[in-house]
Amino acid sequence: MTISIIVAKAKNNVIGKDNQLVWRLSSDLRLFKKITTGHHIIMGRKTYESMGKPLPNRTSIVITRNKDFKIPEGHHVVNSLEEAVRLCIGKNLGQVFIIGGAQIYSEAIAICDEMLITEVDANPEGDVYFPKFNSSEWKKDAVEHFYKDEKNEYNFDFVTYKRVKS
């Protein structure tokens, strides 16, 4: 099973503020939808709450310590990233996407196979950051450029990083 992180981060590693995105990038949201549709997506409780409900045509796996946390039927609540990954392995999934937030990303970097990173050409203020990672453990596999326009607040690159096999 391929474990993929998918994230949009600024040059200063900001990924959010006040439990919200800090930019409007229509092209990035379309990419996110295209890539994750039909798959299981793993996230922390705050990320789930920022969306308000499960995303269409995806199965949500929400990580929380709150034993009473409820989400709609067909989706899952687990207590750890390890439990989320075991659930996906048990379902014989080919790929799973980790979509946030910062704490989940920090834990997932050590176990993921690839990172799909929208690198936003901005330095916004924020209160949530994507963790730093050891660039020697990753190689850029693909880069797609997007330019600022009426629906995209900033220029950005969509970069696929693959873990370097040792």
N, C-alpha and C. Protein backbone atom coordinates (compact mmCIF):
# COMPACT_ATOMS: atom_id res chain seq x y z
N MET A 1 0.84 -1.18 0.00
CA MET A 1 0.00 0.00 0.00
C MET A 1 0.89 1.25 0.00
N THR A 2 0.56 2.18 -0.85
CA THR A 2 1.29 3.44 -0.91
C THR A 2 0.65 4.42 0.07
N ILE A 3 1.47 4.98 0.94
CA ILE A 3 1.01 6.01 1.87
C ILE A 3 1.51 7.35 1.35
N SER A 4 0.56 8.24 1.04
CA SER A 4 0.90 9.53 0.45
C SER A 4 0.44 10.67 1.35
N ILE A 5 1.34 11.60 1.58
CA ILE A 5 0.97 12.87 2.22
C ILE A 5 0.58 13.81 1.11
N ILE A 6 -0.51 14.55 1.30
CA ILE A 6 -0.88 15.60 0.36
C ILE A 6 -1.12 16.87 1.17
N VAL A 7 -0.45 17.95 0.77
CA VAL A 7 -0.49 19.19 1.55
C VAL A 7 -0.20 20.39 0.65
N ALA A 8 -0.75 21.53 1.04
CA ALA A 8 -0.37 22.81 0.43
C ALA A 8 0.34 23.60 1.52
N LYS A 9 1.58 24.03 1.22
CA LYS A 9 2.35 24.77 2.22
C LYS A 9 3.02 25.97 1.57
N ALA A 10 3.18 27.01 2.37
CA ALA A 10 3.85 28.22 1.91
C ALA A 10 5.37 28.07 2.02
N LYS A 11 6.09 29.05 1.49
CA LYS A 11 7.56 29.05 1.59
C LYS A 11 8.03 28.95 3.04
N ASN A 12 7.27 29.56 3.96
CA ASN A 12 7.62 29.54 5.38
C ASN A 12 6.98 28.35 6.10
N ASN A 13 6.50 27.37 5.34
CA ASN A 13 5.89 26.13 5.84
C ASN A 13 4.52 26.30 6.48
N VAL A 14 3.93 27.50 6.41
CA VAL A 14 2.58 27.70 6.95
C VAL A 14 1.60 26.86 6.13
N ILE A 15 0.69 26.16 6.85
CA ILE A 15 -0.37 25.40 6.17
C ILE A 15 -1.76 25.86 6.60
N GLY A 16 -1.82 26.72 7.63
CA GLY A 16 -3.13 27.18 8.04
C GLY A 16 -3.08 28.21 9.14
N LYS A 17 -4.24 28.80 9.39
CA LYS A 17 -4.40 29.77 10.49
C LYS A 17 -5.85 29.69 10.95
N ASP A 18 -6.03 29.63 12.26
CA ASP A 18 -7.38 29.56 12.84
C ASP A 18 -8.19 28.42 12.25
N ASN A 19 -7.54 27.27 12.03
CA ASN A 19 -8.17 26.06 11.50
C ASN A 19 -8.75 26.25 10.10
N GLN A 20 -8.14 27.13 9.31
CA GLN A 20 -8.57 27.39 7.94
C GLN A 20 -7.35 27.48 7.02
N LEU A 21 -7.58 27.32 5.72
CA LEU A 21 -6.53 27.57 4.74
C LEU A 21 -6.27 29.07 4.69
N VAL A 22 -5.08 29.46 4.27
CA VAL A 22 -4.72 30.88 4.27
C VAL A 22 -4.62 31.45 2.85
N TRP A 23 -5.21 30.77 1.88
CA TRP A 23 -5.18 31.25 0.49
C TRP A 23 -6.34 30.66 -0.27
N ARG A 24 -6.57 31.20 -1.44
CA ARG A 24 -7.58 30.68 -2.36
C ARG A 24 -6.84 30.23 -3.62
N LEU A 25 -6.81 28.91 -3.82
CA LEU A 25 -6.13 28.32 -4.97
C LEU A 25 -7.07 27.30 -5.60
N SER A 26 -7.90 27.76 -6.49
CA SER A 26 -8.90 26.91 -7.12
C SER A 26 -8.26 25.72 -7.84
N SER A 27 -7.16 25.95 -8.52
CA SER A 27 -6.48 24.87 -9.26
C SER A 27 -5.96 23.80 -8.31
N ASP A 28 -5.47 24.20 -7.14
CA ASP A 28 -4.98 23.24 -6.16
C ASP A 28 -6.13 22.41 -5.59
N LEU A 29 -7.26 23.05 -5.31
CA LEU A 29 -8.42 22.30 -4.79
C LEU A 29 -8.90 21.28 -5.82
N ARG A 30 -8.87 21.64 -7.10
CA ARG A 30 -9.25 20.69 -8.17
C ARG A 30 -8.28 19.50 -8.21
N LEU A 31 -6.98 19.79 -8.08
CA LEU A 31 -5.98 18.71 -8.04
C LEU A 31 -6.23 17.79 -6.85
N PHE A 32 -6.47 18.38 -5.67
CA PHE A 32 -6.73 17.61 -4.46
C PHE A 32 -7.93 16.69 -4.67
N LYS A 33 -8.98 17.24 -5.23
CA LYS A 33 -10.20 16.45 -5.47
C LYS A 33 -9.92 15.31 -6.45
N LYS A 34 -9.26 15.62 -7.56
CA LYS A 34 -8.96 14.62 -8.59
C LYS A 34 -8.10 13.48 -8.03
N ILE A 35 -7.10 13.83 -7.23
CA ILE A 35 -6.16 12.84 -6.72
C ILE A 35 -6.77 11.97 -5.63
N THR A 36 -7.56 12.57 -4.75
CA THR A 36 -8.05 11.83 -3.57
C THR A 36 -9.41 11.17 -3.77
N THR A 37 -10.17 11.56 -4.79
CA THR A 37 -11.49 10.97 -5.00
C THR A 37 -11.37 9.46 -5.19
N GLY A 38 -12.25 8.74 -4.49
CA GLY A 38 -12.27 7.28 -4.57
C GLY A 38 -11.33 6.61 -3.59
N HIS A 39 -10.63 7.40 -2.79
CA HIS A 39 -9.64 6.85 -1.85
C HIS A 39 -10.04 7.10 -0.40
N HIS A 40 -9.33 6.45 0.50
CA HIS A 40 -9.44 6.74 1.94
C HIS A 40 -8.51 7.90 2.25
N ILE A 41 -8.98 8.83 3.08
CA ILE A 41 -8.17 9.97 3.49
C ILE A 41 -8.09 9.97 5.02
N ILE A 42 -6.87 10.10 5.52
CA ILE A 42 -6.60 10.08 6.96
C ILE A 42 -6.33 11.51 7.40
N MET A 43 -6.97 11.90 8.52
CA MET A 43 -6.79 13.26 9.03
C MET A 43 -7.00 13.30 10.53
N GLY A 44 -6.53 14.38 11.14
CA GLY A 44 -6.82 14.63 12.54
C GLY A 44 -8.21 15.23 12.70
N ARG A 45 -8.67 15.26 13.94
CA ARG A 45 -10.01 15.76 14.24
C ARG A 45 -10.18 17.21 13.82
N LYS A 46 -9.20 18.07 14.08
CA LYS A 46 -9.34 19.49 13.74
C LYS A 46 -9.47 19.68 12.23
N THR A 47 -8.72 18.91 11.46
CA THR A 47 -8.83 18.99 10.00
C THR A 47 -10.23 18.58 9.57
N TYR A 48 -10.73 17.50 10.14
CA TYR A 48 -12.09 17.06 9.82
C TYR A 48 -13.10 18.14 10.18
N GLU A 49 -12.97 18.71 11.37
CA GLU A 49 -13.92 19.75 11.81
C GLU A 49 -13.85 20.98 10.92
N SER A 50 -12.68 21.31 10.38
CA SER A 50 -12.56 22.48 9.49
C SER A 50 -13.33 22.26 8.19
N MET A 51 -13.50 20.99 7.79
CA MET A 51 -14.26 20.68 6.58
C MET A 51 -15.76 20.60 6.87
N GLY A 52 -16.10 20.24 8.11
CA GLY A 52 -17.50 20.22 8.52
C GLY A 52 -18.25 18.93 8.26
N LYS A 53 -17.76 18.15 7.30
CA LYS A 53 -18.42 16.88 6.96
C LYS A 53 -17.45 16.08 6.09
N PRO A 54 -17.73 14.79 5.91
CA PRO A 54 -16.86 14.00 5.03
C PRO A 54 -16.87 14.55 3.60
N LEU A 55 -15.73 14.50 2.95
CA LEU A 55 -15.65 14.93 1.55
C LEU A 55 -16.33 13.90 0.66
N PRO A 56 -17.03 14.35 -0.36
CA PRO A 56 -17.75 13.41 -1.25
C PRO A 56 -16.81 12.41 -1.92
N ASN A 57 -17.30 11.20 -2.08
CA ASN A 57 -16.60 10.14 -2.83
C ASN A 57 -15.24 9.77 -2.26
N ARG A 58 -15.08 9.96 -0.96
CA ARG A 58 -13.88 9.55 -0.25
C ARG A 58 -14.31 8.97 1.09
N THR A 59 -13.51 8.09 1.65
CA THR A 59 -13.78 7.54 2.98
C THR A 59 -12.85 8.22 3.97
N SER A 60 -13.44 8.89 4.95
CA SER A 60 -12.66 9.61 5.96
C SER A 60 -12.28 8.69 7.11
N ILE A 61 -11.02 8.82 7.53
CA ILE A 61 -10.54 8.17 8.74
C ILE A 61 -10.02 9.31 9.63
N VAL A 62 -10.70 9.52 10.75
CA VAL A 62 -10.38 10.64 11.63
C VAL A 62 -9.66 10.12 12.87
N ILE A 63 -8.50 10.72 13.15
CA ILE A 63 -7.72 10.35 14.33
C ILE A 63 -8.05 11.32 15.46
N THR A 64 -8.48 10.78 16.58
CA THR A 64 -8.79 11.61 17.75
C THR A 64 -8.65 10.78 19.02
N ARG A 65 -8.34 11.46 20.12
CA ARG A 65 -8.32 10.81 21.43
C ARG A 65 -9.70 10.80 22.05
N ASN A 66 -10.64 11.57 21.47
CA ASN A 66 -12.00 11.68 22.00
C ASN A 66 -12.78 10.41 21.68
N LYS A 67 -13.02 9.59 22.69
CA LYS A 67 -13.69 8.30 22.50
C LYS A 67 -15.16 8.47 22.07
N ASP A 68 -15.74 9.65 22.29
CA ASP A 68 -17.15 9.89 21.96
C ASP A 68 -17.33 10.59 20.62
N PHE A 69 -16.24 10.84 19.88
CA PHE A 69 -16.33 11.56 18.61
C PHE A 69 -17.07 10.70 17.58
N LYS A 70 -18.05 11.28 16.93
CA LYS A 70 -18.88 10.55 15.96
C LYS A 70 -18.80 11.21 14.58
N ILE A 71 -18.78 10.36 13.56
CA ILE A 71 -18.87 10.82 12.18
C ILE A 71 -19.87 9.92 11.46
N PRO A 72 -20.33 10.33 10.28
CA PRO A 72 -21.34 9.53 9.58
C PRO A 72 -20.91 8.09 9.31
N GLU A 73 -21.89 7.22 9.22
CA GLU A 73 -21.66 5.81 8.92
C GLU A 73 -20.90 5.68 7.60
N GLY A 74 -20.03 4.70 7.56
CA GLY A 74 -19.21 4.47 6.36
C GLY A 74 -17.83 5.10 6.48
N HIS A 75 -17.65 5.93 7.51
CA HIS A 75 -16.37 6.55 7.79
C HIS A 75 -15.87 6.00 9.12
N HIS A 76 -14.64 6.33 9.50
CA HIS A 76 -14.03 5.68 10.65
C HIS A 76 -13.40 6.68 11.61
N VAL A 77 -13.47 6.37 12.90
CA VAL A 77 -12.75 7.12 13.93
C VAL A 77 -11.75 6.15 14.55
N VAL A 78 -10.50 6.59 14.64
CA VAL A 78 -9.44 5.78 15.24
C VAL A 78 -8.68 6.63 16.25
N ASN A 79 -7.81 5.99 17.02
CA ASN A 79 -7.10 6.70 18.08
C ASN A 79 -5.65 7.02 17.77
N SER A 80 -5.13 6.53 16.62
CA SER A 80 -3.73 6.80 16.28
C SER A 80 -3.51 6.63 14.78
N LEU A 81 -2.41 7.20 14.31
CA LEU A 81 -2.03 7.02 12.91
C LEU A 81 -1.77 5.54 12.64
N GLU A 82 -1.12 4.88 13.57
CA GLU A 82 -0.84 3.45 13.41
C GLU A 82 -2.15 2.67 13.22
N GLU A 83 -3.17 2.98 14.02
CA GLU A 83 -4.46 2.30 13.89
C GLU A 83 -5.11 2.60 12.53
N ALA A 84 -4.97 3.84 12.07
CA ALA A 84 -5.52 4.22 10.75
C ALA A 84 -4.85 3.42 9.64
N VAL A 85 -3.53 3.31 9.70
CA VAL A 85 -2.79 2.56 8.67
C VAL A 85 -3.15 1.07 8.73
N ARG A 86 -3.26 0.51 9.93
CA ARG A 86 -3.66 -0.90 10.05
C ARG A 86 -5.05 -1.13 9.44
N LEU A 87 -5.97 -0.20 9.67
CA LEU A 87 -7.31 -0.29 9.09
C LEU A 87 -7.23 -0.35 7.57
N CYS A 88 -6.41 0.51 6.98
CA CYS A 88 -6.27 0.55 5.52
C CYS A 88 -5.61 -0.71 4.98
N ILE A 89 -4.60 -1.21 5.68
CA ILE A 89 -3.95 -2.47 5.28
C ILE A 89 -4.97 -3.60 5.33
N GLY A 90 -5.78 -3.62 6.37
CA GLY A 90 -6.81 -4.65 6.52
C GLY A 90 -7.85 -4.62 5.41
N LYS A 91 -8.03 -3.46 4.80
CA LYS A 91 -8.98 -3.33 3.69
C LYS A 91 -8.30 -3.58 2.33
N ASN A 92 -7.01 -3.93 2.36
CA ASN A 92 -6.24 -4.18 1.13
C ASN A 92 -6.27 -3.01 0.16
N LEU A 93 -6.12 -1.80 0.69
CA LEU A 93 -6.13 -0.61 -0.16
C LEU A 93 -4.81 -0.48 -0.90
N GLY A 94 -4.86 0.04 -2.11
CA GLY A 94 -3.64 0.26 -2.89
C GLY A 94 -2.94 1.55 -2.50
N GLN A 95 -3.74 2.55 -2.05
CA GLN A 95 -3.17 3.84 -1.70
C GLN A 95 -4.07 4.53 -0.69
N VAL A 96 -3.46 5.30 0.19
CA VAL A 96 -4.19 6.10 1.17
C VAL A 96 -3.51 7.47 1.23
N PHE A 97 -4.31 8.50 1.50
CA PHE A 97 -3.79 9.87 1.55
C PHE A 97 -3.92 10.44 2.95
N ILE A 98 -2.84 11.04 3.42
CA ILE A 98 -2.84 11.73 4.71
C ILE A 98 -2.98 13.21 4.40
N ILE A 99 -4.06 13.83 4.94
CA ILE A 99 -4.39 15.19 4.54
C ILE A 99 -4.25 16.22 5.67
N GLY A 100 -3.68 15.84 6.81
CA GLY A 100 -3.43 16.83 7.85
C GLY A 100 -4.01 16.45 9.18
N GLY A 101 -3.78 17.27 10.14
CA GLY A 101 -3.01 18.50 10.19
C GLY A 101 -1.57 18.26 10.57
N ALA A 102 -0.97 19.31 11.16
CA ALA A 102 0.47 19.34 11.40
C ALA A 102 0.96 18.15 12.22
N GLN A 103 0.27 17.81 13.28
CA GLN A 103 0.71 16.69 14.14
C GLN A 103 0.67 15.38 13.37
N ILE A 104 -0.38 15.17 12.58
CA ILE A 104 -0.50 13.94 11.79
C ILE A 104 0.60 13.90 10.73
N TYR A 105 0.86 15.04 10.08
CA TYR A 105 1.95 15.10 9.10
C TYR A 105 3.29 14.76 9.76
N SER A 106 3.54 15.30 10.96
CA SER A 106 4.80 15.03 11.66
C SER A 106 5.01 13.54 11.89
N GLU A 107 3.94 12.86 12.28
CA GLU A 107 4.03 11.42 12.51
C GLU A 107 4.17 10.66 11.20
N ALA A 108 3.50 11.13 10.16
CA ALA A 108 3.41 10.39 8.89
C ALA A 108 4.67 10.49 8.03
N ILE A 109 5.45 11.54 8.19
CA ILE A 109 6.66 11.69 7.35
C ILE A 109 7.56 10.47 7.45
N ALA A 110 7.66 9.88 8.61
CA ALA A 110 8.54 8.72 8.81
C ALA A 110 8.06 7.47 8.09
N ILE A 111 6.76 7.38 7.80
CA ILE A 111 6.22 6.14 7.22
C ILE A 111 5.68 6.29 5.80
N CYS A 112 5.58 7.52 5.30
CA CYS A 112 4.97 7.68 3.97
C CYS A 112 5.95 7.35 2.86
N ASP A 113 5.38 7.03 1.71
CA ASP A 113 6.17 6.66 0.53
C ASP A 113 6.40 7.84 -0.40
N GLU A 114 5.44 8.78 -0.38
CA GLU A 114 5.55 9.95 -1.25
C GLU A 114 4.86 11.13 -0.58
N MET A 115 5.27 12.31 -1.02
CA MET A 115 4.62 13.54 -0.57
C MET A 115 4.22 14.33 -1.80
N LEU A 116 2.96 14.70 -1.85
CA LEU A 116 2.43 15.53 -2.93
C LEU A 116 2.25 16.92 -2.33
N ILE A 117 3.19 17.81 -2.63
CA ILE A 117 3.23 19.10 -1.95
C ILE A 117 2.96 20.24 -2.92
N THR A 118 1.92 20.99 -2.62
CA THR A 118 1.66 22.24 -3.32
C THR A 118 2.53 23.29 -2.63
N GLU A 119 3.55 23.75 -3.33
CA GLU A 119 4.49 24.73 -2.77
C GLU A 119 4.04 26.11 -3.23
N VAL A 120 3.41 26.83 -2.29
CA VAL A 120 2.78 28.12 -2.59
C VAL A 120 3.83 29.23 -2.47
N ASP A 121 3.88 30.09 -3.49
CA ASP A 121 4.84 31.19 -3.53
C ASP A 121 4.32 32.35 -2.68
N ALA A 122 4.35 32.15 -1.35
CA ALA A 122 3.85 33.14 -0.41
C ALA A 122 4.47 32.88 0.96
N ASN A 123 4.42 33.88 1.82
CA ASN A 123 4.88 33.78 3.20
C ASN A 123 3.81 34.34 4.14
N PRO A 124 2.65 33.70 4.19
CA PRO A 124 1.56 34.24 5.01
C PRO A 124 1.79 34.02 6.50
N GLU A 125 1.05 34.77 7.31
CA GLU A 125 1.04 34.49 8.73
C GLU A 125 0.19 33.25 8.95
N GLY A 126 0.57 32.48 9.95
CA GLY A 126 -0.21 31.28 10.24
C GLY A 126 0.10 30.78 11.63
N ASP A 127 -0.66 29.76 12.04
CA ASP A 127 -0.41 29.17 13.35
C ASP A 127 -0.23 27.65 13.26
N VAL A 128 -0.22 27.13 12.03
CA VAL A 128 0.02 25.71 11.81
C VAL A 128 1.04 25.57 10.69
N TYR A 129 2.03 24.69 10.91
CA TYR A 129 3.15 24.56 9.98
C TYR A 129 3.35 23.11 9.56
N PHE A 130 3.75 22.94 8.28
CA PHE A 130 4.19 21.63 7.82
C PHE A 130 5.58 21.40 8.40
N PRO A 131 5.84 20.20 8.93
CA PRO A 131 7.15 19.96 9.55
C PRO A 131 8.28 19.95 8.54
N LYS A 132 9.45 20.35 9.02
CA LYS A 132 10.64 20.26 8.17
C LYS A 132 10.96 18.78 7.96
N PHE A 133 11.52 18.46 6.81
CA PHE A 133 11.91 17.07 6.54
C PHE A 133 13.30 17.05 5.94
N ASN A 134 13.95 15.92 6.06
CA ASN A 134 15.31 15.74 5.57
C ASN A 134 15.27 15.57 4.05
N SER A 135 15.68 16.60 3.33
CA SER A 135 15.58 16.57 1.86
C SER A 135 16.44 15.47 1.24
N SER A 136 17.46 14.99 1.95
CA SER A 136 18.30 13.92 1.37
C SER A 136 17.55 12.59 1.32
N GLU A 137 16.42 12.48 2.04
CA GLU A 137 15.63 11.25 2.02
C GLU A 137 14.57 11.26 0.91
N TRP A 138 14.51 12.35 0.14
CA TRP A 138 13.45 12.52 -0.86
C TRP A 138 14.04 13.01 -2.18
N LYS A 139 13.40 12.59 -3.28
CA LYS A 139 13.78 13.15 -4.59
C LYS A 139 12.53 13.68 -5.27
N LYS A 140 12.71 14.82 -5.94
CA LYS A 140 11.61 15.38 -6.71
C LYS A 140 11.37 14.48 -7.90
N ASP A 141 10.14 14.00 -8.03
CA ASP A 141 9.80 13.09 -9.10
C ASP A 141 9.08 13.81 -10.24
N ALA A 142 8.32 14.86 -9.88
CA ALA A 142 7.58 15.62 -10.89
C ALA A 142 7.26 17.00 -10.33
N VAL A 143 7.21 17.99 -11.22
CA VAL A 143 6.85 19.35 -10.84
C VAL A 143 5.92 19.90 -11.91
N GLU A 144 4.80 20.47 -11.46
CA GLU A 144 3.87 21.13 -12.37
C GLU A 144 3.68 22.56 -11.87
N HIS A 145 3.84 23.54 -12.76
CA HIS A 145 3.75 24.96 -12.40
C HIS A 145 2.34 25.49 -12.64
N PHE A 146 1.89 26.33 -11.72
CA PHE A 146 0.59 27.01 -11.85
C PHE A 146 0.82 28.49 -11.57
N TYR A 147 0.09 29.33 -12.30
CA TYR A 147 0.32 30.76 -12.18
C TYR A 147 -0.90 31.48 -11.62
N LYS A 148 -0.60 32.54 -10.89
CA LYS A 148 -1.61 33.39 -10.28
C LYS A 148 -2.58 33.90 -11.36
N ASP A 149 -3.87 33.84 -11.03
CA ASP A 149 -4.89 34.40 -11.92
C ASP A 149 -6.11 34.76 -11.07
N GLU A 150 -7.25 34.99 -11.71
CA GLU A 150 -8.43 35.42 -10.96
C GLU A 150 -8.93 34.38 -9.96
N LYS A 151 -8.57 33.11 -10.15
CA LYS A 151 -9.03 32.05 -9.24
C LYS A 151 -7.92 31.48 -8.36
N ASN A 152 -6.72 31.95 -8.58
CA ASN A 152 -5.56 31.45 -7.82
C ASN A 152 -4.78 32.65 -7.30
N GLU A 153 -4.79 32.80 -5.99
CA GLU A 153 -4.23 33.97 -5.34
C GLU A 153 -2.72 34.11 -5.50
N TYR A 154 -2.02 32.96 -5.65
CA TYR A 154 -0.56 32.96 -5.75
C TYR A 154 -0.11 31.99 -6.83
N ASN A 155 1.13 32.19 -7.29
CA ASN A 155 1.80 31.16 -8.10
C ASN A 155 2.07 29.98 -7.17
N PHE A 156 2.08 28.77 -7.74
CA PHE A 156 2.46 27.61 -6.94
C PHE A 156 2.95 26.50 -7.84
N ASP A 157 3.73 25.60 -7.24
CA ASP A 157 4.19 24.39 -7.92
C ASP A 157 3.57 23.20 -7.22
N PHE A 158 3.12 22.23 -8.00
CA PHE A 158 2.66 20.97 -7.43
C PHE A 158 3.79 19.98 -7.62
N VAL A 159 4.41 19.56 -6.50
CA VAL A 159 5.64 18.77 -6.54
C VAL A 159 5.39 17.39 -5.94
N THR A 160 5.80 16.37 -6.66
CA THR A 160 5.74 15.00 -6.14
C THR A 160 7.14 14.61 -5.68
N TYR A 161 7.23 14.27 -4.40
CA TYR A 161 8.49 13.78 -3.81
C TYR A 161 8.33 12.30 -3.55
N LYS A 162 9.32 11.52 -3.96
CA LYS A 162 9.36 10.08 -3.68
C LYS A 162 10.48 9.82 -2.68
N ARG A 163 10.21 8.91 -1.75
CA ARG A 163 11.24 8.56 -0.78
C ARG A 163 12.40 7.86 -1.49
N VAL A 164 13.62 8.26 -1.15
CA VAL A 164 14.82 7.63 -1.70
C VAL A 164 14.99 6.29 -1.02
N LYS A 165 15.08 5.25 -1.79
CA LYS A 165 15.28 3.89 -1.23
C LYS A 165 16.72 3.74 -0.81
N SER A 166 16.93 3.24 0.39
CA SER A 166 18.32 3.09 0.85
C SER A 166 18.81 1.68 0.69
